[in-house]
Amino acid sequence: MLEKRHAQFSPGYQGTFSPGEAVQDLEELDQLARHDGGLAIQARAYRKPDDAHNALRLKLYLLGEVMPLSVSLPIFENLGMKVIAEDPFPITFDTEDGWTREAVVLDFLMERA
């Protein structure tokens, strides 16, 4: 179970997201760590209650190194989105099999173009 394993969140993450959001993000990263082969990336769209009607937030979960903004920006623009902000949050966590993994959560705020 995730609550029995160790996870280390950056101070920026702790100041931005709730403990409940951290549990959800760890579940996403845990699923990603169990994935065999291929690109180690997963995404989750969400909204905050006070977001503007045309706003969309997206979290990209990556194991290992950070994806450069120059890679993701054209993809979002081709989907009709305008990236307003992108914040990277490094996370270190222990997997079920006892390994320690390095990951990053890229948090995007976008608007429909």
PDB file of N, CA and C in Angstrom:
ATOM      1  N   MET A   1       0.834  -1.185   0.000  1.00  0.00           N
ATOM      2  CA  MET A   1       0.000   0.000   0.000  1.00  0.00           C
ATOM      3  C   MET A   1       0.877   1.247   0.000  1.00  0.00           C
ATOM      4  N   LEU A   2       0.429   2.271  -0.666  1.00  0.00           N
ATOM      5  CA  LEU A   2       1.214   3.494  -0.800  1.00  0.00           C
ATOM      6  C   LEU A   2       1.505   4.174   0.525  1.00  0.00           C
ATOM      7  N   GLU A   3       0.552   4.157   1.465  1.00  0.00           N
ATOM      8  CA  GLU A   3       0.742   4.896   2.701  1.00  0.00           C
ATOM      9  C   GLU A   3       1.856   4.318   3.565  1.00  0.00           C
ATOM     10  N   LYS A   4       2.313   3.107   3.306  1.00  0.00           N
ATOM     11  CA  LYS A   4       3.389   2.491   4.075  1.00  0.00           C
ATOM     12  C   LYS A   4       4.747   2.724   3.425  1.00  0.00           C
ATOM     13  N   ARG A   5       4.796   3.286   2.258  1.00  0.00           N
ATOM     14  CA  ARG A   5       6.050   3.519   1.551  1.00  0.00           C
ATOM     15  C   ARG A   5       6.457   4.973   1.673  1.00  0.00           C
ATOM     16  N   HIS A   6       7.727   5.213   1.424  1.00  0.00           N
ATOM     17  CA  HIS A   6       8.301   6.546   1.557  1.00  0.00           C
ATOM     18  C   HIS A   6       8.184   7.322   0.246  1.00  0.00           C
ATOM     19  N   ALA A   7       7.865   8.609   0.362  1.00  0.00           N
ATOM     20  CA  ALA A   7       7.867   9.519  -0.793  1.00  0.00           C
ATOM     21  C   ALA A   7       8.417  10.857  -0.325  1.00  0.00           C
ATOM     22  N   GLN A   8       9.204  11.482  -1.181  1.00  0.00           N
ATOM     23  CA  GLN A   8       9.778  12.788  -0.868  1.00  0.00           C
ATOM     24  C   GLN A   8       9.318  13.791  -1.911  1.00  0.00           C
ATOM     25  N   PHE A   9       8.557  14.796  -1.475  1.00  0.00           N
ATOM     26  CA  PHE A   9       8.047  15.845  -2.344  1.00  0.00           C
ATOM     27  C   PHE A   9       8.871  17.111  -2.149  1.00  0.00           C
ATOM     28  N   SER A  10       9.052  17.859  -3.223  1.00  0.00           N
ATOM     29  CA  SER A  10       9.786  19.120  -3.131  1.00  0.00           C
ATOM     30  C   SER A  10       8.982  20.122  -2.298  1.00  0.00           C
ATOM     31  N   PRO A  11       9.658  21.106  -1.684  1.00  0.00           N
ATOM     32  CA  PRO A  11       8.930  22.135  -0.934  1.00  0.00           C
ATOM     33  C   PRO A  11       7.904  22.872  -1.793  1.00  0.00           C
ATOM     34  N   GLY A  12       8.232  23.101  -3.074  1.00  0.00           N
ATOM     35  CA  GLY A  12       7.283  23.759  -3.975  1.00  0.00           C
ATOM     36  C   GLY A  12       6.014  22.962  -4.152  1.00  0.00           C
ATOM     37  N   TYR A  13       6.152  21.640  -4.273  1.00  0.00           N
ATOM     38  CA  TYR A  13       4.976  20.768  -4.396  1.00  0.00           C
ATOM     39  C   TYR A  13       4.139  20.860  -3.132  1.00  0.00           C
ATOM     40  N   GLN A  14       4.788  20.768  -1.972  1.00  0.00           N
ATOM     41  CA  GLN A  14       4.077  20.792  -0.699  1.00  0.00           C
ATOM     42  C   GLN A  14       3.306  22.096  -0.499  1.00  0.00           C
ATOM     43  N   GLY A  15       3.847  23.197  -1.025  1.00  0.00           N
ATOM     44  CA  GLY A  15       3.169  24.475  -0.899  1.00  0.00           C
ATOM     45  C   GLY A  15       2.054  24.690  -1.904  1.00  0.00           C
ATOM     46  N   THR A  16       1.982  23.832  -2.919  1.00  0.00           N
ATOM     47  CA  THR A  16       1.007  23.998  -3.996  1.00  0.00           C
ATOM     48  C   THR A  16      -0.166  23.028  -3.901  1.00  0.00           C
ATOM     49  N   PHE A  17       0.108  21.795  -3.500  1.00  0.00           N
ATOM     50  CA  PHE A  17      -0.910  20.741  -3.540  1.00  0.00           C
ATOM     51  C   PHE A  17      -1.225  20.204  -2.153  1.00  0.00           C
ATOM     52  N   SER A  18      -2.429  19.724  -1.991  1.00  0.00           N
ATOM     53  CA  SER A  18      -2.905  19.165  -0.726  1.00  0.00           C
ATOM     54  C   SER A  18      -2.360  17.754  -0.530  1.00  0.00           C
ATOM     55  N   PRO A  19      -2.404  17.233   0.698  1.00  0.00           N
ATOM     56  CA  PRO A  19      -2.014  15.838   0.928  1.00  0.00           C
ATOM     57  C   PRO A  19      -2.863  14.855   0.111  1.00  0.00           C
ATOM     58  N   GLY A  20      -4.131  15.139  -0.063  1.00  0.00           N
ATOM     59  CA  GLY A  20      -4.987  14.273  -0.884  1.00  0.00           C
ATOM     60  C   GLY A  20      -4.538  14.228  -2.332  1.00  0.00           C
ATOM     61  N   GLU A  21      -4.116  15.368  -2.844  1.00  0.00           N
ATOM     62  CA  GLU A  21      -3.597  15.430  -4.217  1.00  0.00           C
ATOM     63  C   GLU A  21      -2.279  14.658  -4.312  1.00  0.00           C
ATOM     64  N   ALA A  22      -1.471  14.718  -3.261  1.00  0.00           N
ATOM     65  CA  ALA A  22      -0.199  13.978  -3.247  1.00  0.00           C
ATOM     66  C   ALA A  22      -0.448  12.475  -3.308  1.00  0.00           C
ATOM     67  N   VAL A  23      -1.458  11.998  -2.588  1.00  0.00           N
ATOM     68  CA  VAL A  23      -1.795  10.571  -2.631  1.00  0.00           C
ATOM     69  C   VAL A  23      -2.207  10.173  -4.042  1.00  0.00           C
ATOM     70  N   GLN A  24      -3.024  10.990  -4.684  1.00  0.00           N
ATOM     71  CA  GLN A  24      -3.454  10.699  -6.054  1.00  0.00           C
ATOM     72  C   GLN A  24      -2.271  10.702  -7.016  1.00  0.00           C
ATOM     73  N   ASP A  25      -1.361  11.662  -6.862  1.00  0.00           N
ATOM     74  CA  ASP A  25      -0.184  11.720  -7.734  1.00  0.00           C
ATOM     75  C   ASP A  25       0.724  10.510  -7.515  1.00  0.00           C
ATOM     76  N   LEU A  26       0.880  10.083  -6.269  1.00  0.00           N
ATOM     77  CA  LEU A  26       1.682   8.887  -6.000  1.00  0.00           C
ATOM     78  C   LEU A  26       1.058   7.646  -6.621  1.00  0.00           C
ATOM     79  N   GLU A  27      -0.255   7.557  -6.614  1.00  0.00           N
ATOM     80  CA  GLU A  27      -0.924   6.423  -7.262  1.00  0.00           C
ATOM     81  C   GLU A  27      -0.643   6.419  -8.760  1.00  0.00           C
ATOM     82  N   GLU A  28      -0.689   7.597  -9.386  1.00  0.00           N
ATOM     83  CA  GLU A  28      -0.373   7.706 -10.819  1.00  0.00           C
ATOM     84  C   GLU A  28       1.075   7.274 -11.086  1.00  0.00           C
ATOM     85  N   LEU A  29       2.003   7.740 -10.250  1.00  0.00           N
ATOM     86  CA  LEU A  29       3.410   7.392 -10.429  1.00  0.00           C
ATOM     87  C   LEU A  29       3.654   5.907 -10.177  1.00  0.00           C
ATOM     88  N   ASP A  30       2.953   5.348  -9.204  1.00  0.00           N
ATOM     89  CA  ASP A  30       3.087   3.928  -8.909  1.00  0.00           C
ATOM     90  C   ASP A  30       2.620   3.085 -10.097  1.00  0.00           C
ATOM     91  N   GLN A  31       1.498   3.466 -10.715  1.00  0.00           N
ATOM     92  CA  GLN A  31       1.022   2.760 -11.906  1.00  0.00           C
ATOM     93  C   GLN A  31       2.037   2.870 -13.035  1.00  0.00           C
ATOM     94  N   LEU A  32       2.596   4.039 -13.189  1.00  0.00           N
ATOM     95  CA  LEU A  32       3.582   4.271 -14.239  1.00  0.00           C
ATOM     96  C   LEU A  32       4.841   3.418 -14.010  1.00  0.00           C
ATOM     97  N   ALA A  33       5.263   3.292 -12.757  1.00  0.00           N
ATOM     98  CA  ALA A  33       6.452   2.503 -12.434  1.00  0.00           C
ATOM     99  C   ALA A  33       6.238   1.018 -12.723  1.00  0.00           C
ATOM    100  N   ARG A  34       4.991   0.552 -12.670  1.00  0.00           N
ATOM    101  CA  ARG A  34       4.690  -0.850 -12.951  1.00  0.00           C
ATOM    102  C   ARG A  34       4.590  -1.132 -14.446  1.00  0.00           C
ATOM    103  N   HIS A  35       4.554  -0.096 -15.270  1.00  0.00           N
ATOM    104  CA  HIS A  35       4.442  -0.242 -16.722  1.00  0.00           C
ATOM    105  C   HIS A  35       5.761  -0.754 -17.283  1.00  0.00           C
ATOM    106  N   ASP A  36       5.694  -1.801 -18.085  1.00  0.00           N
ATOM    107  CA  ASP A  36       6.904  -2.375 -18.686  1.00  0.00           C
ATOM    108  C   ASP A  36       7.091  -1.864 -20.110  1.00  0.00           C
ATOM    109  N   GLY A  37       8.278  -1.335 -20.389  1.00  0.00           N
ATOM    110  CA  GLY A  37       8.624  -0.926 -21.742  1.00  0.00           C
ATOM    111  C   GLY A  37       7.911   0.326 -22.200  1.00  0.00           C
ATOM    112  N   GLY A  38       8.371   0.871 -23.304  1.00  0.00           N
ATOM    113  CA  GLY A  38       7.750   2.049 -23.892  1.00  0.00           C
ATOM    114  C   GLY A  38       8.069   3.317 -23.121  1.00  0.00           C
ATOM    115  N   LEU A  39       7.393   4.370 -23.497  1.00  0.00           N
ATOM    116  CA  LEU A  39       7.587   5.680 -22.902  1.00  0.00           C
ATOM    117  C   LEU A  39       6.946   5.725 -21.515  1.00  0.00           C
ATOM    118  N   ALA A  40       7.690   6.147 -20.512  1.00  0.00           N
ATOM    119  CA  ALA A  40       7.187   6.214 -19.141  1.00  0.00           C
ATOM    120  C   ALA A  40       6.568   7.579 -18.891  1.00  0.00           C
ATOM    121  N   ILE A  41       5.349   7.765 -19.399  1.00  0.00           N
ATOM    122  CA  ILE A  41       4.640   9.032 -19.243  1.00  0.00           C
ATOM    123  C   ILE A  41       3.148   8.757 -19.102  1.00  0.00           C
ATOM    124  N   GLN A  42       2.511   9.550 -18.268  1.00  0.00           N
ATOM    125  CA  GLN A  42       1.072   9.432 -18.055  1.00  0.00           C
ATOM    126  C   GLN A  42       0.532  10.841 -17.845  1.00  0.00           C
ATOM    127  N   ALA A  43      -0.747  11.058 -18.110  1.00  0.00           N
ATOM    128  CA  ALA A  43      -1.331  12.389 -17.972  1.00  0.00           C
ATOM    129  C   ALA A  43      -2.662  12.318 -17.229  1.00  0.00           C
ATOM    130  N   ARG A  44      -2.989  13.423 -16.558  1.00  0.00           N
ATOM    131  CA  ARG A  44      -4.293  13.554 -15.889  1.00  0.00           C
ATOM    132  C   ARG A  44      -4.741  15.009 -15.983  1.00  0.00           C
ATOM    133  N   ALA A  45      -5.917  15.227 -16.548  1.00  0.00           N
ATOM    134  CA  ALA A  45      -6.491  16.570 -16.640  1.00  0.00           C
ATOM    135  C   ALA A  45      -7.341  16.822 -15.393  1.00  0.00           C
ATOM    136  N   TYR A  46      -7.341  18.078 -14.949  1.00  0.00           N
ATOM    137  CA  TYR A  46      -8.154  18.444 -13.792  1.00  0.00           C
ATOM    138  C   TYR A  46      -8.457  19.936 -13.828  1.00  0.00           C
ATOM    139  N   ARG A  47      -9.349  20.359 -12.956  1.00  0.00           N
ATOM    140  CA  ARG A  47      -9.694  21.773 -12.830  1.00  0.00           C
ATOM    141  C   ARG A  47      -9.797  22.113 -11.355  1.00  0.00           C
ATOM    142  N   LYS A  48      -9.511  23.363 -11.031  1.00  0.00           N
ATOM    143  CA  LYS A  48      -9.733  23.871  -9.679  1.00  0.00           C
ATOM    144  C   LYS A  48     -11.077  24.597  -9.678  1.00  0.00           C
ATOM    145  N   PRO A  49     -11.770  24.608  -8.552  1.00  0.00           N
ATOM    146  CA  PRO A  49     -13.097  25.239  -8.510  1.00  0.00           C
ATOM    147  C   PRO A  49     -13.126  26.691  -8.970  1.00  0.00           C
ATOM    148  N   ASP A  50     -12.049  27.439  -8.754  1.00  0.00           N
ATOM    149  CA  ASP A  50     -12.047  28.857  -9.129  1.00  0.00           C
ATOM    150  C   ASP A  50     -11.411  29.126 -10.496  1.00  0.00           C
ATOM    151  N   ASP A  51     -11.150  28.083 -11.286  1.00  0.00           N
ATOM    152  CA  ASP A  51     -10.588  28.275 -12.629  1.00  0.00           C
ATOM    153  C   ASP A  51     -11.595  28.939 -13.558  1.00  0.00           C
ATOM    154  N   ALA A  52     -11.080  29.746 -14.476  1.00  0.00           N
ATOM    155  CA  ALA A  52     -11.929  30.353 -15.504  1.00  0.00           C
ATOM    156  C   ALA A  52     -12.538  29.249 -16.366  1.00  0.00           C
ATOM    157  N   HIS A  53     -13.656  29.548 -17.021  1.00  0.00           N
ATOM    158  CA  HIS A  53     -14.370  28.538 -17.810  1.00  0.00           C
ATOM    159  C   HIS A  53     -13.537  27.973 -18.960  1.00  0.00           C
ATOM    160  N   ASN A  54     -12.568  28.740 -19.464  1.00  0.00           N
ATOM    161  CA  ASN A  54     -11.756  28.266 -20.592  1.00  0.00           C
ATOM    162  C   ASN A  54     -10.402  27.690 -20.148  1.00  0.00           C
ATOM    163  N   ALA A  55     -10.213  27.527 -18.837  1.00  0.00           N
ATOM    164  CA  ALA A  55      -8.942  27.020 -18.318  1.00  0.00           C
ATOM    165  C   ALA A  55      -8.970  25.494 -18.215  1.00  0.00           C
ATOM    166  N   LEU A  56      -7.807  24.902 -18.387  1.00  0.00           N
ATOM    167  CA  LEU A  56      -7.619  23.464 -18.227  1.00  0.00           C
ATOM    168  C   LEU A  56      -6.262  23.254 -17.572  1.00  0.00           C
ATOM    169  N   ARG A  57      -6.234  22.365 -16.623  1.00  0.00           N
ATOM    170  CA  ARG A  57      -4.966  22.008 -15.977  1.00  0.00           C
ATOM    171  C   ARG A  57      -4.641  20.571 -16.351  1.00  0.00           C
ATOM    172  N   LEU A  58      -3.360  20.313 -16.528  1.00  0.00           N
ATOM    173  CA  LEU A  58      -2.922  18.985 -16.924  1.00  0.00           C
ATOM    174  C   LEU A  58      -1.650  18.655 -16.163  1.00  0.00           C
ATOM    175  N   LYS A  59      -1.624  17.453 -15.609  1.00  0.00           N
ATOM    176  CA  LYS A  59      -0.404  16.957 -14.975  1.00  0.00           C
ATOM    177  C   LYS A  59       0.164  15.865 -15.857  1.00  0.00           C
ATOM    178  N   LEU A  60       1.442  15.998 -16.177  1.00  0.00           N
ATOM    179  CA  LEU A  60       2.173  14.941 -16.865  1.00  0.00           C
ATOM    180  C   LEU A  60       3.083  14.290 -15.843  1.00  0.00           C
ATOM    181  N   TYR A  61       3.012  12.975 -15.782  1.00  0.00           N
ATOM    182  CA  TYR A  61       3.837  12.197 -14.865  1.00  0.00           C
ATOM    183  C   TYR A  61       4.928  11.521 -15.684  1.00  0.00           C
ATOM    184  N   LEU A  62       6.186  11.739 -15.282  1.00  0.00           N
ATOM    185  CA  LEU A  62       7.316  11.166 -16.002  1.00  0.00           C
ATOM    186  C   LEU A  62       8.269  10.509 -15.020  1.00  0.00           C
ATOM    187  N   LEU A  63       8.770   9.341 -15.391  1.00  0.00           N
ATOM    188  CA  LEU A  63       9.833   8.715 -14.616  1.00  0.00           C
ATOM    189  C   LEU A  63      11.147   9.149 -15.223  1.00  0.00           C
ATOM    190  N   GLY A  64      12.097   9.503 -14.388  1.00  0.00           N
ATOM    191  CA  GLY A  64      13.402   9.916 -14.889  1.00  0.00           C
ATOM    192  C   GLY A  64      13.469  11.404 -15.152  1.00  0.00           C
ATOM    193  N   GLU A  65      14.027  11.755 -16.290  1.00  0.00           N
ATOM    194  CA  GLU A  65      14.318  13.153 -16.606  1.00  0.00           C
ATOM    195  C   GLU A  65      13.083  13.956 -17.007  1.00  0.00           C
ATOM    196  N   VAL A  66      13.186  15.263 -16.845  1.00  0.00           N
ATOM    197  CA  VAL A  66      12.124  16.193 -17.209  1.00  0.00           C
ATOM    198  C   VAL A  66      12.045  16.315 -18.725  1.00  0.00           C
ATOM    199  N   MET A  67      10.828  16.394 -19.266  1.00  0.00           N
ATOM    200  CA  MET A  67      10.634  16.628 -20.691  1.00  0.00           C
ATOM    201  C   MET A  67      10.746  18.134 -20.941  1.00  0.00           C
ATOM    202  N   PRO A  68      11.567  18.553 -21.892  1.00  0.00           N
ATOM    203  CA  PRO A  68      11.693  19.980 -22.176  1.00  0.00           C
ATOM    204  C   PRO A  68      10.359  20.580 -22.642  1.00  0.00           C
ATOM    205  N   LEU A  69      10.121  21.810 -22.251  1.00  0.00           N
ATOM    206  CA  LEU A  69       8.908  22.511 -22.657  1.00  0.00           C
ATOM    207  C   LEU A  69       8.813  22.613 -24.175  1.00  0.00           C
ATOM    208  N   SER A  70       9.946  22.682 -24.847  1.00  0.00           N
ATOM    209  CA  SER A  70       9.950  22.786 -26.309  1.00  0.00           C
ATOM    210  C   SER A  70       9.376  21.534 -26.977  1.00  0.00           C
ATOM    211  N   VAL A  71       9.304  20.422 -26.253  1.00  0.00           N
ATOM    212  CA  VAL A  71       8.705  19.202 -26.789  1.00  0.00           C
ATOM    213  C   VAL A  71       7.188  19.221 -26.600  1.00  0.00           C
ATOM    214  N   SER A  72       6.743  19.592 -25.411  1.00  0.00           N
ATOM    215  CA  SER A  72       5.304  19.540 -25.112  1.00  0.00           C
ATOM    216  C   SER A  72       4.524  20.734 -25.665  1.00  0.00           C
ATOM    217  N   LEU A  73       5.125  21.903 -25.720  1.00  0.00           N
ATOM    218  CA  LEU A  73       4.414  23.110 -26.153  1.00  0.00           C
ATOM    219  C   LEU A  73       3.785  22.974 -27.539  1.00  0.00           C
ATOM    220  N   PRO A  74       4.506  22.522 -28.565  1.00  0.00           N
ATOM    221  CA  PRO A  74       3.874  22.387 -29.888  1.00  0.00           C
ATOM    222  C   PRO A  74       2.707  21.391 -29.905  1.00  0.00           C
ATOM    223  N   ILE A  75       2.793  20.353 -29.096  1.00  0.00           N
ATOM    224  CA  ILE A  75       1.702  19.377 -29.040  1.00  0.00           C
ATOM    225  C   ILE A  75       0.438  20.038 -28.506  1.00  0.00           C
ATOM    226  N   PHE A  76       0.570  20.780 -27.400  1.00  0.00           N
ATOM    227  CA  PHE A  76      -0.595  21.455 -26.826  1.00  0.00           C
ATOM    228  C   PHE A  76      -1.160  22.509 -27.770  1.00  0.00           C
ATOM    229  N   GLU A  77      -0.281  23.243 -28.438  1.00  0.00           N
ATOM    230  CA  GLU A  77      -0.742  24.265 -29.380  1.00  0.00           C
ATOM    231  C   GLU A  77      -1.484  23.637 -30.555  1.00  0.00           C
ATOM    232  N   ASN A  78      -1.019  22.486 -31.031  1.00  0.00           N
ATOM    233  CA  ASN A  78      -1.725  21.787 -32.116  1.00  0.00           C
ATOM    234  C   ASN A  78      -3.084  21.264 -31.668  1.00  0.00           C
ATOM    235  N   LEU A  79      -3.275  21.094 -30.378  1.00  0.00           N
ATOM    236  CA  LEU A  79      -4.567  20.665 -29.835  1.00  0.00           C
ATOM    237  C   LEU A  79      -5.475  21.854 -29.531  1.00  0.00           C
ATOM    238  N   GLY A  80      -5.036  23.059 -29.891  1.00  0.00           N
ATOM    239  CA  GLY A  80      -5.848  24.255 -29.687  1.00  0.00           C
ATOM    240  C   GLY A  80      -5.733  24.853 -28.297  1.00  0.00           C
ATOM    241  N   MET A  81      -4.636  24.567 -27.608  1.00  0.00           N
ATOM    242  CA  MET A  81      -4.442  25.081 -26.259  1.00  0.00           C
ATOM    243  C   MET A  81      -3.314  26.106 -26.253  1.00  0.00           C
ATOM    244  N   LYS A  82      -3.403  27.052 -25.338  1.00  0.00           N
ATOM    245  CA  LYS A  82      -2.340  28.028 -25.119  1.00  0.00           C
ATOM    246  C   LYS A  82      -1.803  27.786 -23.714  1.00  0.00           C
ATOM    247  N   VAL A  83      -0.509  27.472 -23.605  1.00  0.00           N
ATOM    248  CA  VAL A  83       0.097  27.195 -22.308  1.00  0.00           C
ATOM    249  C   VAL A  83       0.351  28.518 -21.587  1.00  0.00           C
ATOM    250  N   ILE A  84      -0.217  28.654 -20.396  1.00  0.00           N
ATOM    251  CA  ILE A  84      -0.058  29.852 -19.582  1.00  0.00           C
ATOM    252  C   ILE A  84       1.102  29.683 -18.604  1.00  0.00           C
ATOM    253  N   ALA A  85       1.198  28.505 -18.000  1.00  0.00           N
ATOM    254  CA  ALA A  85       2.257  28.244 -17.026  1.00  0.00           C
ATOM    255  C   ALA A  85       2.570  26.753 -16.990  1.00  0.00           C
ATOM    256  N   GLU A  86       3.823  26.440 -16.635  1.00  0.00           N
ATOM    257  CA  GLU A  86       4.254  25.059 -16.464  1.00  0.00           C
ATOM    258  C   GLU A  86       5.193  25.028 -15.271  1.00  0.00           C
ATOM    259  N   ASP A  87       4.878  24.174 -14.306  1.00  0.00           N
ATOM    260  CA  ASP A  87       5.698  24.046 -13.116  1.00  0.00           C
ATOM    261  C   ASP A  87       6.142  22.598 -12.954  1.00  0.00           C
ATOM    262  N   PRO A  88       7.460  22.363 -12.861  1.00  0.00           N
ATOM    263  CA  PRO A  88       7.954  20.998 -12.634  1.00  0.00           C
ATOM    264  C   PRO A  88       8.136  20.735 -11.134  1.00  0.00           C
ATOM    265  N   PHE A  89       7.731  19.554 -10.695  1.00  0.00           N
ATOM    266  CA  PHE A  89       7.872  19.163  -9.300  1.00  0.00           C
ATOM    267  C   PHE A  89       8.554  17.800  -9.222  1.00  0.00           C
ATOM    268  N   PRO A  90       9.828  17.742  -8.785  1.00  0.00           N
ATOM    269  CA  PRO A  90      10.500  16.452  -8.643  1.00  0.00           C
ATOM    270  C   PRO A  90       9.942  15.685  -7.446  1.00  0.00           C
ATOM    271  N   ILE A  91       9.853  14.378  -7.596  1.00  0.00           N
ATOM    272  CA  ILE A  91       9.359  13.498  -6.537  1.00  0.00           C
ATOM    273  C   ILE A  91      10.222  12.239  -6.526  1.00  0.00           C
ATOM    274  N   THR A  92      10.605  11.808  -5.346  1.00  0.00           N
ATOM    275  CA  THR A  92      11.301  10.542  -5.161  1.00  0.00           C
ATOM    276  C   THR A  92      10.370   9.644  -4.367  1.00  0.00           C
ATOM    277  N   PHE A  93      10.181   8.411  -4.834  1.00  0.00           N
ATOM    278  CA  PHE A  93       9.259   7.512  -4.126  1.00  0.00           C
ATOM    279  C   PHE A  93       9.742   6.080  -4.201  1.00  0.00           C
ATOM    280  N   ASP A  94       9.304   5.278  -3.235  1.00  0.00           N
ATOM    281  CA  ASP A  94       9.624   3.856  -3.191  1.00  0.00           C
ATOM    282  C   ASP A  94       8.509   3.075  -3.856  1.00  0.00           C
ATOM    283  N   THR A  95       8.880   2.107  -4.687  1.00  0.00           N
ATOM    284  CA  THR A  95       7.893   1.265  -5.364  1.00  0.00           C
ATOM    285  C   THR A  95       7.572   0.037  -4.508  1.00  0.00           C
ATOM    286  N   GLU A  96       6.546  -0.701  -4.908  1.00  0.00           N
ATOM    287  CA  GLU A  96       6.136  -1.897  -4.175  1.00  0.00           C
ATOM    288  C   GLU A  96       7.258  -2.923  -4.083  1.00  0.00           C
ATOM    289  N   ASP A  97       8.103  -2.986  -5.103  1.00  0.00           N
ATOM    290  CA  ASP A  97       9.172  -3.985  -5.114  1.00  0.00           C
ATOM    291  C   ASP A  97      10.451  -3.516  -4.408  1.00  0.00           C
ATOM    292  N   GLY A  98      10.379  -2.377  -3.704  1.00  0.00           N
ATOM    293  CA  GLY A  98      11.501  -1.924  -2.894  1.00  0.00           C
ATOM    294  C   GLY A  98      12.493  -1.004  -3.569  1.00  0.00           C
ATOM    295  N   TRP A  99      12.268  -0.651  -4.824  1.00  0.00           N
ATOM    296  CA  TRP A  99      13.174   0.249  -5.535  1.00  0.00           C
ATOM    297  C   TRP A  99      12.779   1.696  -5.275  1.00  0.00           C
ATOM    298  N   THR A 100      13.770   2.574  -5.294  1.00  0.00           N
ATOM    299  CA  THR A 100      13.515   4.007  -5.206  1.00  0.00           C
ATOM    300  C   THR A 100      13.537   4.570  -6.614  1.00  0.00           C
ATOM    301  N   ARG A 101      12.514   5.350  -6.963  1.00  0.00           N
ATOM    302  CA  ARG A 101      12.392   5.913  -8.316  1.00  0.00           C
ATOM    303  C   ARG A 101      12.401   7.426  -8.246  1.00  0.00           C
ATOM    304  N   GLU A 102      13.016   8.029  -9.258  1.00  0.00           N
ATOM    305  CA  GLU A 102      12.993   9.480  -9.446  1.00  0.00           C
ATOM    306  C   GLU A 102      11.930   9.787 -10.489  1.00  0.00           C
ATOM    307  N   ALA A 103      11.107  10.768 -10.206  1.00  0.00           N
ATOM    308  CA  ALA A 103      10.032  11.134 -11.123  1.00  0.00           C
ATOM    309  C   ALA A 103       9.853  12.642 -11.098  1.00  0.00           C
ATOM    310  N   VAL A 104       9.047  13.117 -12.022  1.00  0.00           N
ATOM    311  CA  VAL A 104       8.686  14.531 -12.035  1.00  0.00           C
ATOM    312  C   VAL A 104       7.217  14.642 -12.422  1.00  0.00           C
ATOM    313  N   VAL A 105       6.544  15.581 -11.780  1.00  0.00           N
ATOM    314  CA  VAL A 105       5.177  15.924 -12.148  1.00  0.00           C
ATOM    315  C   VAL A 105       5.248  17.299 -12.789  1.00  0.00           C
ATOM    316  N   LEU A 106       4.857  17.379 -14.066  1.00  0.00           N
ATOM    317  CA  LEU A 106       4.797  18.665 -14.769  1.00  0.00           C
ATOM    318  C   LEU A 106       3.360  19.134 -14.703  1.00  0.00           C
ATOM    319  N   ASP A 107       3.155  20.271 -14.075  1.00  0.00           N
ATOM    320  CA  ASP A 107       1.805  20.811 -13.893  1.00  0.00           C
ATOM    321  C   ASP A 107       1.614  21.976 -14.852  1.00  0.00           C
ATOM    322  N   PHE A 108       0.649  21.838 -15.764  1.00  0.00           N
ATOM    323  CA  PHE A 108       0.380  22.855 -16.787  1.00  0.00           C
ATOM    324  C   PHE A 108      -0.938  23.564 -16.512  1.00  0.00           C
ATOM    325  N   LEU A 109      -0.948  24.862 -16.709  1.00  0.00           N
ATOM    326  CA  LEU A 109      -2.176  25.639 -16.758  1.00  0.00           C
ATOM    327  C   LEU A 109      -2.310  26.119 -18.190  1.00  0.00           C
ATOM    328  N   MET A 110      -3.456  25.789 -18.818  1.00  0.00           N
ATOM    329  CA  MET A 110      -3.673  26.139 -20.218  1.00  0.00           C
ATOM    330  C   MET A 110      -5.043  26.776 -20.397  1.00  0.00           C
ATOM    331  N   GLU A 111      -5.199  27.428 -21.522  1.00  0.00           N
ATOM    332  CA  GLU A 111      -6.488  27.981 -21.936  1.00  0.00           C
ATOM    333  C   GLU A 111      -6.767  27.531 -23.348  1.00  0.00           C
ATOM    334  N   ARG A 112      -8.037  27.423 -23.665  1.00  0.00           N
ATOM    335  CA  ARG A 112      -8.387  27.138 -25.065  1.00  0.00           C
ATOM    336  C   ARG A 112      -8.028  28.351 -25.892  1.00  0.00           C
ATOM    337  N   ALA A 113      -7.344  28.120 -26.996  1.00  0.00           N
ATOM    338  CA  ALA A 113      -6.902  29.219 -27.858  1.00  0.00           C
ATOM    339  C   ALA A 113      -8.059  29.853 -28.591  1.00  0.00           C
TER     340      ALA A 113
END
